[in-house]
Amino acid sequence: MVVTAKSFVSGALTFVFYGLLPLGLVFYIALQQLRRSRMAAEERLGQPDRADPQPDQDRLL
C-alpha cells in the first residue's frame, strides 16, 4: 500500500497513519499495565522513586 502510493508524501502519510500510529497505540496500551504493576510493587516495598529530581549531595563533593 505504501509502495504503490502516487507520491512520496502520500506514501509517508499512509505509513505513519496506518502503520506507526496504530502500532504505537497498541504498545502504549500494552505497556500501561506493566507500568502500573511496577509502580504498585515499588509502593508495596516502600522503595523511593528512582526519578528523584534532586541528586544526592554526597556525589557532588
Protein backbone atom coordinates (compact mmCIF):
# COMPACT_ATOMS: atom_id res chain seq x y z
CA MET A 1 0.00 0.00 0.00
CA VAL A 2 2.79 2.42 0.89
CA VAL A 3 4.93 1.31 -2.03
CA THR A 4 2.13 1.81 -4.57
CA ALA A 5 1.23 5.34 -3.41
CA LYS A 6 1.16 8.05 -6.07
CA SER A 7 3.64 10.34 -4.34
CA PHE A 8 6.22 10.22 -1.58
CA VAL A 9 4.09 12.39 0.72
CA SER A 10 1.02 10.19 0.41
CA GLY A 11 3.16 7.08 0.92
CA ALA A 12 4.79 8.55 4.01
CA LEU A 13 1.45 9.65 5.47
CA THR A 14 -0.05 6.24 4.76
CA PHE A 15 2.87 4.60 6.54
CA VAL A 16 2.52 6.90 9.55
CA PHE A 17 -1.26 6.74 9.92
CA TYR A 18 -1.76 3.07 9.02
CA GLY A 19 1.48 1.71 10.47
CA LEU A 20 3.32 3.68 13.11
CA LEU A 21 0.41 5.36 14.88
CA PRO A 22 -1.69 2.19 15.43
CA LEU A 23 1.37 0.21 16.47
CA GLY A 24 2.43 2.92 18.90
CA LEU A 25 -1.05 2.96 20.40
CA VAL A 26 -1.01 -0.82 20.85
CA PHE A 27 2.39 -0.67 22.56
CA TYR A 28 1.27 2.18 24.81
CA ILE A 29 -1.84 0.30 25.93
CA ALA A 30 0.06 -2.97 26.38
CA LEU A 31 2.83 -1.39 28.45
CA GLN A 32 0.41 0.62 30.61
CA GLN A 33 -0.38 -2.47 32.69
CA LEU A 34 3.33 -3.17 33.15
CA ARG A 35 3.96 0.40 34.35
CA ARG A 36 1.08 0.18 36.82
CA SER A 37 2.27 -3.12 38.25
CA ARG A 38 5.84 -1.81 38.67
CA MET A 39 4.62 1.31 40.45
CA ALA A 40 2.41 -0.77 42.75
CA ALA A 41 5.30 -3.13 43.54
CA GLU A 42 7.59 -0.21 44.40
CA GLU A 43 4.95 1.28 46.69
CA ARG A 44 4.46 -2.06 48.45
CA LEU A 45 8.20 -2.41 49.05
CA GLY A 46 8.50 1.13 50.30
CA GLN A 47 11.33 1.99 47.95
CA PRO A 48 11.70 5.60 46.91
CA ASP A 49 11.05 6.64 43.36
CA ARG A 50 14.13 6.31 41.14
CA ALA A 51 13.28 9.52 39.30
CA ASP A 52 14.33 11.76 42.19
CA PRO A 53 14.62 15.31 40.86
CA GLN A 54 17.38 16.24 43.33
CA PRO A 55 20.68 14.34 43.04
CA ASP A 56 22.41 13.01 46.10
CA GLN A 57 24.58 15.67 47.69
CA ASP A 58 27.33 13.18 48.63
CA ARG A 59 28.19 12.51 44.99
CA LEU A 60 28.74 16.16 44.14
CA LEU A 61 31.67 16.66 46.53
